[in-house]
Amino acid sequence: MKKNLLGVHCSIAGGAEKAFAEAEGLGINCFQIFTKNQRQWKEKEFTAEERARFRRAWEASEVDVVFSHASYLINLAAAEPERHQRAVNALAGELRRCAQLGLSYVVLHPGFAREQSRPDAIRRIAEGLHAAVAAAGEGTAMVLLENMAGQGSSIGTNIEEIKTLMDLTADIQHRIGFCLDTCHAFAAGYDIRTKGGIEDLLARIDRLIGLDRMKAIHLNDSKGGLGSHLDRHWHIGEGQIGEVPFRYLMRRFPAVPKVIETPKKDDWDARNLRRLRSFIEA
């Protein structure tokens, strides 16, 4: 059986290398991390010793893919020059940390338009992506634009906006990809509760973006209803989405790293992983 890449968002408390201990305990072969405190602007660089510890832990593990999630504070759509530049600097810093650790991707919430028109906000995000990639320098980590639930003035609620961003960054397309979040898609109004529904969404992604650019998937059920614009992740098969699309995605995309971002209280990570694995073992 082809290896199926599946994991969770792991903690780096106590050192980035500690994430591999969590991964080993869960028996996963990929995971996502924050490379710094995601709710603070303060930047971080890994020392040579920290990088070495991370590499040693990775080499000793069964993990194939590690990627990061950018800070929630980053808003590349910010209209104010100082705030926009701060967002660019933060994303560039994230890309540099990915390069230091050898991570494949950084997942990014595209941004919030606030008082701007959506076209203007999208243009600002594209400018920010160009600037951040240039400032980060050499590296192979890709920025994966994540589809959003539609809360507030968020950009990327529909696949068409992601396509526009990708069109505006076509000259750096080797550094820009897509991350599908199932909770966000459902909350945004894409009814993926049936096999036909998830196939329709994937066909739209393929037509507008290309499934080859979908480099990661966030497997999250939704606490909110269809089109609620509520960004509340829930346990697999326990929310408003149900099991069907997760079974489909597990079977169709074994080589795409898939992580859950569901509440971690008690042993829910292990329980969600067992359920997801059962979909390919049945």
Protein backbone atom coordinates (compact mmCIF):
# COMPACT_ATOMS: atom_id res chain seq x y z
CA MET A 1 0.00 0.00 0.00
CA LYS A 2 1.27 3.46 -0.92
CA LYS A 3 2.27 5.52 2.11
CA ASN A 4 -0.51 7.88 3.16
CA LEU A 5 0.78 11.16 4.58
CA LEU A 6 -1.23 12.00 7.69
CA GLY A 7 -0.50 14.02 10.80
CA VAL A 8 -1.47 16.79 13.18
CA HIS A 9 -0.35 20.23 14.23
CA CYS A 10 2.46 19.55 16.71
CA SER A 11 3.78 21.76 19.50
CA ILE A 12 7.37 23.04 19.61
CA ALA A 13 7.21 23.91 23.32
CA GLY A 14 10.64 23.27 24.81
CA GLY A 15 12.34 23.31 21.41
CA ALA A 16 11.35 22.71 17.79
CA GLU A 17 12.79 19.20 17.93
CA LYS A 18 10.22 18.25 20.59
CA ALA A 19 7.57 18.07 17.86
CA PHE A 20 9.10 14.78 16.72
CA ALA A 21 8.44 13.16 20.09
CA GLU A 22 4.77 14.08 19.77
CA ALA A 23 4.79 12.73 16.22
CA GLU A 24 6.33 9.46 17.34
CA GLY A 25 3.73 9.04 20.07
CA LEU A 26 0.96 9.43 17.51
CA GLY A 27 2.65 7.33 14.83
CA ILE A 28 2.37 10.07 12.19
CA ASN A 29 4.58 10.70 9.16
CA CYS A 30 3.95 14.42 8.61
CA PHE A 31 3.04 17.41 10.75
CA GLN A 32 2.58 21.16 10.88
CA ILE A 33 4.14 23.54 13.41
CA PHE A 34 4.34 27.19 14.33
CA THR A 35 8.01 28.16 14.14
CA LYS A 36 7.43 31.00 16.63
CA ASN A 37 4.69 32.36 18.88
CA GLN A 38 1.91 32.84 16.33
CA ARG A 39 0.23 35.62 18.30
CA GLN A 40 3.29 37.86 18.71
CA TRP A 41 5.20 39.98 16.23
CA LYS A 42 8.55 39.26 17.86
CA GLU A 43 10.77 37.50 15.33
CA LYS A 44 12.90 34.43 15.95
CA GLU A 45 15.92 32.85 14.33
CA PHE A 46 17.09 29.36 15.10
CA THR A 47 20.64 29.01 16.36
CA ALA A 48 23.02 26.54 14.75
CA GLU A 49 22.54 24.20 17.71
CA GLU A 50 18.74 24.42 17.49
CA ARG A 51 18.89 23.62 13.79
CA ALA A 52 21.19 20.68 14.43
CA ARG A 53 18.90 19.26 17.14
CA PHE A 54 15.93 19.56 14.78
CA ARG A 55 17.80 17.78 11.96
CA ARG A 56 18.95 14.98 14.26
CA ALA A 57 15.42 14.43 15.57
CA TRP A 58 14.03 14.40 12.04
CA GLU A 59 16.64 11.92 10.79
CA ALA A 60 15.83 9.59 13.67
CA SER A 61 12.09 9.77 13.00
CA GLU A 62 9.61 8.25 10.55
CA VAL A 63 8.45 11.71 9.48
CA ASP A 64 8.58 12.54 5.77
CA VAL A 65 7.13 16.07 5.56
CA VAL A 66 7.10 19.01 7.98
CA PHE A 67 5.59 22.40 7.20
CA SER A 68 4.66 25.51 9.12
CA HIS A 69 1.67 27.75 9.59
CA ALA A 70 2.36 31.49 9.47
CA SER A 71 1.35 33.82 12.28
CA TYR A 72 -2.31 34.77 12.45
CA LEU A 73 -1.20 38.41 12.80
CA ILE A 74 0.07 38.64 9.23
CA ASN A 75 -2.24 40.64 6.96
CA LEU A 76 -0.65 41.20 3.57
CA ALA A 77 -3.76 43.09 2.50
CA ALA A 78 -3.12 45.88 5.02
CA ALA A 79 -3.58 49.25 3.32
CA GLU A 80 -1.39 51.21 5.75
CA PRO A 81 2.23 51.11 4.48
CA GLU A 82 3.74 50.40 7.91
CA ARG A 83 1.35 47.55 8.66
CA HIS A 84 1.80 46.11 5.19
CA GLN A 85 5.59 46.19 5.54
CA ARG A 86 5.39 44.56 8.97
CA ALA A 87 3.34 41.74 7.44
CA VAL A 88 5.85 41.35 4.60
CA ASN A 89 8.75 41.23 7.07
CA ALA A 90 6.95 38.62 9.18
CA LEU A 91 6.27 36.35 6.21
CA ALA A 92 9.86 36.74 4.99
CA GLY A 93 11.03 35.77 8.48
CA GLU A 94 8.79 32.70 8.40
CA LEU A 95 10.23 31.66 5.05
CA ARG A 96 13.77 32.08 6.41
CA ARG A 97 12.96 29.88 9.41
CA CYS A 98 11.50 27.27 7.06
CA ALA A 99 14.77 27.34 5.13
CA GLN A 100 16.76 26.97 8.35
CA LEU A 101 14.80 23.87 9.36
CA GLY A 102 14.28 22.40 5.89
CA LEU A 103 10.48 22.72 5.92
CA SER A 104 8.53 22.27 2.71
CA TYR A 105 5.77 24.85 3.04
CA VAL A 106 4.33 27.69 5.07
CA VAL A 107 0.53 27.90 5.15
CA LEU A 108 -0.78 31.47 5.03
CA HIS A 109 -4.17 33.08 5.59
CA PRO A 110 -4.22 35.48 2.62
CA GLY A 111 -5.45 38.55 4.51
CA PHE A 112 -8.36 40.86 5.37
CA ALA A 113 -9.62 43.66 3.15
CA ARG A 114 -11.18 45.69 5.98
CA GLU A 115 -12.20 49.09 4.48
CA GLN A 116 -10.62 48.42 1.05
CA SER A 117 -12.33 46.99 -1.97
CA ARG A 118 -11.63 43.30 -2.44
CA PRO A 119 -9.75 43.85 -5.73
CA ASP A 120 -7.47 46.38 -4.01
CA ALA A 121 -6.88 43.99 -1.11
CA ILE A 122 -6.04 41.14 -3.47
CA ARG A 123 -3.58 43.36 -5.32
CA ARG A 124 -1.91 44.30 -2.01
CA ILE A 125 -1.61 40.63 -1.04
CA ALA A 126 0.03 39.79 -4.36
CA GLU A 127 2.47 42.66 -3.89
CA GLY A 128 3.22 41.41 -0.39
CA LEU A 129 3.87 37.87 -1.59
CA HIS A 130 6.34 39.15 -4.17
CA ALA A 131 8.09 41.31 -1.57
CA ALA A 132 8.27 38.59 1.09
CA VAL A 133 9.65 35.95 -1.27
CA ALA A 134 12.27 38.43 -2.53
CA ALA A 135 13.24 39.50 1.00
CA ALA A 136 13.53 35.91 2.23
CA GLY A 137 16.23 35.18 -0.31
CA GLU A 138 17.16 31.72 -1.49
CA GLY A 139 14.93 28.91 -0.30
CA THR A 140 12.59 26.23 -1.52
CA ALA A 141 9.69 26.56 0.92
CA MET A 142 6.44 27.44 -0.79
CA VAL A 143 3.77 29.78 0.54
CA LEU A 144 0.47 27.86 0.53
CA LEU A 145 -2.55 30.14 0.35
CA GLU A 146 -5.32 28.72 2.52
CA ASN A 147 -8.99 29.05 1.65
CA MET A 148 -10.93 30.92 4.33
CA ALA A 149 -14.29 30.46 6.07
CA GLY A 150 -15.51 33.94 5.09
CA GLN A 151 -15.30 35.55 8.50
CA GLY A 152 -15.28 39.34 8.35
CA SER A 153 -13.55 40.72 5.27
CA SER A 154 -11.26 37.73 4.75
CA ILE A 155 -9.82 37.20 1.29
CA GLY A 156 -9.76 33.68 -0.14
CA THR A 157 -13.27 32.66 0.88
CA ASN A 158 -13.90 31.41 -2.64
CA ILE A 159 -11.57 29.57 -5.00
CA GLU A 160 -11.86 32.35 -7.57
CA GLU A 161 -10.01 34.75 -5.24
CA ILE A 162 -7.25 32.20 -4.71
CA LYS A 163 -6.99 31.86 -8.50
CA THR A 164 -6.68 35.63 -8.89
CA LEU A 165 -3.86 35.71 -6.34
CA MET A 166 -2.09 32.90 -8.16
CA ASP A 167 -2.52 34.66 -11.50
CA LEU A 168 -0.99 37.83 -10.01
CA THR A 169 2.00 35.84 -8.73
CA ALA A 170 2.50 33.69 -11.83
CA ASP A 171 6.10 34.86 -12.14
CA ILE A 172 6.91 33.24 -8.76
CA GLN A 173 4.53 30.29 -9.10
CA HIS A 174 7.26 27.90 -8.00
CA ARG A 175 6.96 29.51 -4.55
CA ILE A 176 3.14 29.78 -4.33
CA GLY A 177 0.71 26.89 -3.79
CA PHE A 178 -2.62 26.08 -2.19
CA CYS A 179 -3.76 24.46 1.07
CA LEU A 180 -7.35 23.19 1.22
CA ASP A 181 -9.10 23.49 4.58
CA THR A 182 -12.29 21.41 4.70
CA CYS A 183 -13.88 23.30 7.61
CA HIS A 184 -13.26 26.63 5.91
CA ALA A 185 -14.66 25.39 2.59
CA PHE A 186 -17.86 24.14 4.24
CA ALA A 187 -18.30 27.28 6.34
CA ALA A 188 -17.78 29.36 3.19
CA GLY A 189 -20.69 27.60 1.49
CA TYR A 190 -19.18 24.67 -0.41
CA ASP A 191 -21.38 21.68 0.44
CA ILE A 192 -18.86 18.85 0.67
CA ARG A 193 -21.00 16.49 2.77
CA THR A 194 -21.49 14.09 -0.12
CA LYS A 195 -19.14 12.38 -2.56
CA GLY A 196 -20.60 14.53 -5.33
CA GLY A 197 -20.07 17.66 -3.26
CA ILE A 198 -16.40 17.07 -2.54
CA GLU A 199 -15.83 16.03 -6.16
CA ASP A 200 -17.47 19.27 -7.34
CA LEU A 201 -15.18 21.36 -5.12
CA LEU A 202 -12.10 19.49 -6.27
CA ALA A 203 -13.16 19.88 -9.91
CA ARG A 204 -13.47 23.64 -9.33
CA ILE A 205 -10.01 23.72 -7.73
CA ASP A 206 -8.58 21.72 -10.62
CA ARG A 207 -10.18 23.97 -13.23
CA LEU A 208 -9.19 27.26 -11.62
CA ILE A 209 -5.92 26.45 -9.83
CA GLY A 210 -4.82 22.92 -10.69
CA LEU A 211 -4.84 20.06 -8.21
CA ASP A 212 -1.11 19.77 -8.69
CA ARG A 213 -0.79 23.07 -6.79
CA MET A 214 -2.75 21.73 -3.80
CA LYS A 215 0.28 20.84 -1.70
CA ALA A 216 -1.39 20.27 1.69
CA ILE A 217 -4.82 19.61 3.17
CA HIS A 218 -6.23 20.58 6.56
CA LEU A 219 -8.69 17.86 7.55
CA ASN A 220 -11.13 19.55 9.92
CA ASP A 221 -14.80 18.94 10.54
CA SER A 222 -16.91 22.03 11.23
CA LYS A 223 -18.81 23.06 14.33
CA GLY A 224 -20.70 25.66 12.29
CA GLY A 225 -23.23 24.95 9.58
CA LEU A 226 -22.98 25.23 5.81
CA GLY A 227 -22.26 28.82 4.80
CA SER A 228 -22.11 29.97 8.43
CA HIS A 229 -18.69 31.66 7.94
CA LEU A 230 -17.84 30.27 11.38
CA ASP A 231 -14.20 29.19 11.64
CA ARG A 232 -14.64 26.53 14.31
CA HIS A 233 -12.79 23.28 13.66
CA TRP A 234 -14.27 20.10 15.06
CA HIS A 235 -13.46 16.41 15.33
CA ILE A 236 -13.62 14.19 12.26
CA GLY A 237 -17.14 12.91 11.67
CA GLU A 238 -18.42 14.65 14.81
CA GLY A 239 -19.34 17.99 13.27
CA GLN A 240 -21.64 19.29 10.57
CA ILE A 241 -19.65 17.81 7.67
CA GLY A 242 -19.63 14.11 8.51
CA GLU A 243 -17.24 11.38 7.38
CA VAL A 244 -17.82 11.25 3.62
CA PRO A 245 -15.34 13.88 2.33
CA PHE A 246 -12.63 12.77 4.75
CA ARG A 247 -12.90 9.18 3.55
CA TYR A 248 -12.70 10.45 -0.03
CA LEU A 249 -9.69 12.72 0.55
CA MET A 250 -7.78 10.04 2.46
CA ARG A 251 -8.16 7.62 -0.42
CA ARG A 252 -7.66 10.02 -3.33
CA PHE A 253 -4.64 12.00 -2.08
CA PRO A 254 -2.28 9.63 -0.23
CA ALA A 255 0.82 11.59 -1.28
CA VAL A 256 -0.50 15.01 -0.21
CA PRO A 257 0.33 15.79 3.45
CA LYS A 258 -2.91 15.98 5.44
CA VAL A 259 -3.05 17.36 8.98
CA ILE A 260 -5.83 17.84 11.50
CA GLU A 261 -6.17 21.08 13.47
CA THR A 262 -8.91 19.97 15.82
CA PRO A 263 -9.12 20.63 19.59
CA LYS A 264 -6.44 18.67 21.43
CA LYS A 265 -8.15 18.12 24.78
CA ASP A 266 -7.97 14.54 26.10
CA ASP A 267 -6.87 12.02 23.44
CA TRP A 268 -8.74 13.49 20.47
CA ASP A 269 -5.68 13.62 18.21
CA ALA A 270 -5.26 9.86 18.52
CA ARG A 271 -8.99 9.25 18.10
CA ASN A 272 -9.22 11.43 14.99
CA LEU A 273 -6.17 9.74 13.49
CA ARG A 274 -7.61 6.29 14.13
CA ARG A 275 -10.84 7.25 12.40
CA LEU A 276 -9.00 8.71 9.39
CA ARG A 277 -6.77 5.64 9.09
CA SER A 278 -9.81 3.40 9.21
CA PHE A 279 -11.06 5.03 6.02
CA ILE A 280 -8.17 3.59 4.03
CA GLU A 281 -8.02 0.27 5.85
CA ALA A 282 -11.68 -0.63 5.31
